[in-house]
C-alpha atoms as a PDB file:
ATOM      1  CA  UNK A   1       0.000   0.000   0.000  1.00  0.00           C
ATOM      2  CA  UNK A   2       1.092   3.550  -0.725  1.00  0.00           C
ATOM      3  CA  UNK A   3       2.357   5.765   2.102  1.00  0.00           C
ATOM      4  CA  UNK A   4       1.798   9.484   2.421  1.00  0.00           C
ATOM      5  CA  UNK A   5       1.003  12.548   4.490  1.00  0.00           C
ATOM      6  CA  UNK A   6      -1.889  14.970   4.701  1.00  0.00           C
ATOM      7  CA  UNK A   7      -2.249  18.379   6.396  1.00  0.00           C
ATOM      8  CA  UNK A   8      -5.676  17.312   7.665  1.00  0.00           C
ATOM      9  CA  UNK A   9      -5.273  13.589   8.390  1.00  0.00           C
ATOM     10  CA  UNK A  10      -1.548  13.215   9.136  1.00  0.00           C
ATOM     11  CA  UNK A  11       0.334  10.126   7.998  1.00  0.00           C
ATOM     12  CA  UNK A  12      -1.624   7.565   6.022  1.00  0.00           C
ATOM     13  CA  UNK A  13      -1.352   4.161   4.431  1.00  0.00           C
ATOM     14  CA  UNK A  14      -3.172   3.411   1.176  1.00  0.00           C
ATOM     15  CA  UNK A  15      -5.449   6.458   0.963  1.00  0.00           C
ATOM     16  CA  UNK A  16      -5.949   9.686   2.826  1.00  0.00           C
ATOM     17  CA  UNK A  17      -9.374   9.909   4.518  1.00  0.00           C
ATOM     18  CA  UNK A  18     -10.103  13.403   3.193  1.00  0.00           C
ATOM     19  CA  UNK A  19      -8.609  12.790  -0.258  1.00  0.00           C
ATOM     20  CA  UNK A  20      -6.194  15.735  -0.081  1.00  0.00           C
ATOM     21  CA  UNK A  21      -3.091  13.854   1.070  1.00  0.00           C
ATOM     22  CA  UNK A  22       0.093  13.413  -0.916  1.00  0.00           C
ATOM     23  CA  UNK A  23       1.555   9.970  -1.624  1.00  0.00           C
ATOM     24  CA  UNK A  24       5.277   9.978  -0.798  1.00  0.00           C
ATOM     25  CA  UNK A  25       6.007   6.304  -1.520  1.00  0.00           C
ATOM     26  CA  UNK A  26       4.273   3.985  -3.936  1.00  0.00           C
ATOM     27  CA  UNK A  27       3.533   0.461  -2.794  1.00  0.00           C
ATOM     28  CA  UNK A  28       6.219  -0.928  -5.116  1.00  0.00           C
ATOM     29  CA  UNK A  29       8.910   1.458  -3.871  1.00  0.00           C
ATOM     30  CA  UNK A  30       7.902   0.841  -0.260  1.00  0.00           C
ATOM     31  CA  UNK A  31       8.454  -2.899  -0.648  1.00  0.00           C
ATOM     32  CA  UNK A  32      11.813  -2.532  -2.441  1.00  0.00           C
ATOM     33  CA  UNK A  33      13.164  -0.004   0.020  1.00  0.00           C
ATOM     34  CA  UNK A  34      11.924  -1.896   3.072  1.00  0.00           C
ATOM     35  CA  UNK A  35      13.618  -5.104   1.917  1.00  0.00           C
ATOM     36  CA  UNK A  36      16.845  -3.237   1.195  1.00  0.00           C
ATOM     37  CA  UNK A  37      16.667  -1.503   4.586  1.00  0.00           C
ATOM     38  CA  UNK A  38      16.272  -4.896   6.283  1.00  0.00           C
ATOM     39  CA  UNK A  39      19.339  -6.143   4.447  1.00  0.00           C
ATOM     40  CA  UNK A  40      21.463  -3.154   5.426  1.00  0.00           C
ATOM     41  CA  UNK A  41      20.486  -3.248   9.101  1.00  0.00           C
ATOM     42  CA  UNK A  42      20.528  -7.028   9.516  1.00  0.00           C
ATOM     43  CA  UNK A  43      23.236  -8.308   7.212  1.00  0.00           C
ATOM     44  CA  UNK A  44      25.388  -6.057   5.004  1.00  0.00           C
ATOM     45  CA  UNK A  45      25.636  -2.545   6.420  1.00  0.00           C
ATOM     46  CA  UNK A  46      29.442  -2.550   6.175  1.00  0.00           C
ATOM     47  CA  UNK A  47      29.201  -3.116   2.410  1.00  0.00           C
ATOM     48  CA  UNK A  48      27.632   0.360   2.201  1.00  0.00           C
ATOM     49  CA  UNK A  49      29.870   2.074   4.761  1.00  0.00           C
ATOM     50  CA  UNK A  50      27.309   1.906   7.551  1.00  0.00           C
ATOM     51  CA  UNK A  51      28.617   1.199  11.037  1.00  0.00           C
ATOM     52  CA  UNK A  52      26.252  -0.864  13.162  1.00  0.00           C
ATOM     53  CA  UNK A  53      27.001  -0.874  16.878  1.00  0.00           C
ATOM     54  CA  UNK A  54      26.805  -3.824  19.257  1.00  0.00           C
ATOM     55  CA  UNK A  55      23.096  -3.245  19.897  1.00  0.00           C
ATOM     56  CA  UNK A  56      22.248  -3.046  16.184  1.00  0.00           C
ATOM     57  CA  UNK A  57      22.003   0.760  15.922  1.00  0.00           C
ATOM     58  CA  UNK A  58      23.167   2.704  12.874  1.00  0.00           C
ATOM     59  CA  UNK A  59      23.087   6.467  12.380  1.00  0.00           C
ATOM     60  CA  UNK A  60      19.967   7.533  10.473  1.00  0.00           C
ATOM     61  CA  UNK A  61      22.008  10.016   8.422  1.00  0.00           C
ATOM     62  CA  UNK A  62      24.320   7.209   7.222  1.00  0.00           C
ATOM     63  CA  UNK A  63      21.386   5.022   6.221  1.00  0.00           C
ATOM     64  CA  UNK A  64      19.666   7.971   4.527  1.00  0.00           C
ATOM     65  CA  UNK A  65      22.798   8.698   2.506  1.00  0.00           C
ATOM     66  CA  UNK A  66      22.595   5.217   0.986  1.00  0.00           C
ATOM     67  CA  UNK A  67      18.810   5.293   0.530  1.00  0.00           C
ATOM     68  CA  UNK A  68      18.976   8.715  -1.122  1.00  0.00           C
ATOM     69  CA  UNK A  69      21.704   7.594  -3.541  1.00  0.00           C
ATOM     70  CA  UNK A  70      19.924   4.364  -4.390  1.00  0.00           C
ATOM     71  CA  UNK A  71      16.225   5.323  -4.248  1.00  0.00           C
ATOM     72  CA  UNK A  72      16.096   9.124  -4.017  1.00  0.00           C
ATOM     73  CA  UNK A  73      14.187   9.176  -0.736  1.00  0.00           C
ATOM     74  CA  UNK A  74      14.559  11.340   2.357  1.00  0.00           C
ATOM     75  CA  UNK A  75      13.935  11.180   6.075  1.00  0.00           C
ATOM     76  CA  UNK A  76      10.139  11.549   5.836  1.00  0.00           C
ATOM     77  CA  UNK A  77       9.802   8.485   3.586  1.00  0.00           C
ATOM     78  CA  UNK A  78      12.069   6.469   5.896  1.00  0.00           C
ATOM     79  CA  UNK A  79       9.931   7.440   8.892  1.00  0.00           C
ATOM     80  CA  UNK A  80       6.777   6.349   7.058  1.00  0.00           C
ATOM     81  CA  UNK A  81       8.325   2.962   6.251  1.00  0.00           C
ATOM     82  CA  UNK A  82       9.226   2.461   9.926  1.00  0.00           C
ATOM     83  CA  UNK A  83       5.911   3.774  11.294  1.00  0.00           C
ATOM     84  CA  UNK A  84       3.715   1.634   9.039  1.00  0.00           C
ATOM     85  CA  UNK A  85       5.727  -1.598   9.074  1.00  0.00           C
ATOM     86  CA  UNK A  86       3.182  -4.222  10.152  1.00  0.00           C
ATOM     87  CA  UNK A  87       5.898  -6.658  11.231  1.00  0.00           C
ATOM     88  CA  UNK A  88       7.526  -4.102  13.529  1.00  0.00           C
ATOM     89  CA  UNK A  89      10.947  -4.729  11.979  1.00  0.00           C
ATOM     90  CA  UNK A  90      12.507  -1.327  12.627  1.00  0.00           C
ATOM     91  CA  UNK A  91      12.975   1.235  15.362  1.00  0.00           C
ATOM     92  CA  UNK A  92      14.179   4.852  15.184  1.00  0.00           C
ATOM     93  CA  UNK A  93      15.376   6.597  18.333  1.00  0.00           C
ATOM     94  CA  UNK A  94      17.734   9.491  19.080  1.00  0.00           C
ATOM     95  CA  UNK A  95      18.979   9.850  15.506  1.00  0.00           C
ATOM     96  CA  UNK A  96      19.629   6.122  15.133  1.00  0.00           C
ATOM     97  CA  UNK A  97      17.817   3.230  13.467  1.00  0.00           C
ATOM     98  CA  UNK A  98      17.954  -0.532  13.921  1.00  0.00           C
ATOM     99  CA  UNK A  99      16.303  -3.733  12.850  1.00  0.00           C
ATOM    100  CA  UNK A 100      14.621  -5.364  15.844  1.00  0.00           C
ATOM    101  CA  UNK A 101      15.309  -8.969  14.820  1.00  0.00           C
ATOM    102  CA  UNK A 102      16.693 -11.273  12.126  1.00  0.00           C
ATOM    103  CA  UNK A 103      20.366 -10.321  12.154  1.00  0.00           C
ATOM    104  CA  UNK A 104      23.133 -12.423  10.645  1.00  0.00           C
ATOM    105  CA  UNK A 105      25.750 -10.032  12.038  1.00  0.00           C
ATOM    106  CA  UNK A 106      26.765 -10.187  15.700  1.00  0.00           C
ATOM    107  CA  UNK A 107      24.298  -8.022  17.615  1.00  0.00           C
ATOM    108  CA  UNK A 108      23.335  -7.997  21.285  1.00  0.00           C
ATOM    109  CA  UNK A 109      19.592  -8.628  21.399  1.00  0.00           C
ATOM    110  CA  UNK A 110      19.186  -8.815  25.195  1.00  0.00           C
ATOM    111  CA  UNK A 111      17.436  -5.426  24.961  1.00  0.00           C
ATOM    112  CA  UNK A 112      14.555  -7.088  23.119  1.00  0.00           C
ATOM    113  CA  UNK A 113      13.612  -9.216  26.123  1.00  0.00           C
ATOM    114  CA  UNK A 114      12.244  -6.198  27.970  1.00  0.00           C
ATOM    115  CA  UNK A 115       9.881  -5.383  25.098  1.00  0.00           C
ATOM    116  CA  UNK A 116       6.703  -7.076  24.013  1.00  0.00           C
ATOM    117  CA  UNK A 117       7.363  -9.994  21.668  1.00  0.00           C
ATOM    118  CA  UNK A 118       5.144  -9.970  18.562  1.00  0.00           C
ATOM    119  CA  UNK A 119       2.502 -12.702  18.353  1.00  0.00           C
ATOM    120  CA  UNK A 120       4.001 -13.793  15.019  1.00  0.00           C
ATOM    121  CA  UNK A 121       7.587 -13.682  13.839  1.00  0.00           C
ATOM    122  CA  UNK A 122       8.359 -14.158  10.167  1.00  0.00           C
ATOM    123  CA  UNK A 123      11.226 -16.000   8.546  1.00  0.00           C
ATOM    124  CA  UNK A 124      11.565 -15.974   4.782  1.00  0.00           C
ATOM    125  CA  UNK A 125      13.045 -19.115   3.303  1.00  0.00           C
ATOM    126  CA  UNK A 126      13.008 -21.243   0.227  1.00  0.00           C
ATOM    127  CA  UNK A 127      10.566 -24.179   0.250  1.00  0.00           C
ATOM    128  CA  UNK A 128      13.538 -26.529  -0.204  1.00  0.00           C
ATOM    129  CA  UNK A 129      14.779 -25.534   3.284  1.00  0.00           C
ATOM    130  CA  UNK A 130      11.549 -26.181   5.198  1.00  0.00           C
ATOM    131  CA  UNK A 131      12.234 -29.841   5.981  1.00  0.00           C
ATOM    132  CA  UNK A 132      15.678 -29.047   7.391  1.00  0.00           C
ATOM    133  CA  UNK A 133      14.294 -26.185   9.495  1.00  0.00           C
ATOM    134  CA  UNK A 134      11.537 -28.385  10.904  1.00  0.00           C
ATOM    135  CA  UNK A 135      14.077 -31.113  11.768  1.00  0.00           C
ATOM    136  CA  UNK A 136      16.938 -28.983  13.121  1.00  0.00           C
ATOM    137  CA  UNK A 137      15.522 -25.514  13.705  1.00  0.00           C
ATOM    138  CA  UNK A 138      16.976 -22.282  12.375  1.00  0.00           C
ATOM    139  CA  UNK A 139      20.742 -22.378  12.187  1.00  0.00           C
ATOM    140  CA  UNK A 140      23.171 -19.527  11.622  1.00  0.00           C
END
């Protein structure tokens, strides 16, 4: 679904209630950017010059530099992606951003124990891996 903002309604997903809002991200761009953002924050931030600290935080300005170069988006679009992510994958705080789960890089996740755990967690995999996962669980 598209993401946007409206002077009357505020942030919106899909459509603005009053019809006067402006779409800032199409559904297609939202999906592409969100997947790329997950990759940067969970797996390959260093490949793009992004330092991720021991708790998974990266500077928003560093992430925005990459997203602007690659997709031409700014801070407002990034905030919309984070705010409307149904899976709760991201968090922005004090000028930093992180993925909440799913890292392949070494990250301390003890902080997540004090927060509410989502009712459903998602793991994307190829159907050929399902049998192995059922037998042995998720492995690094």
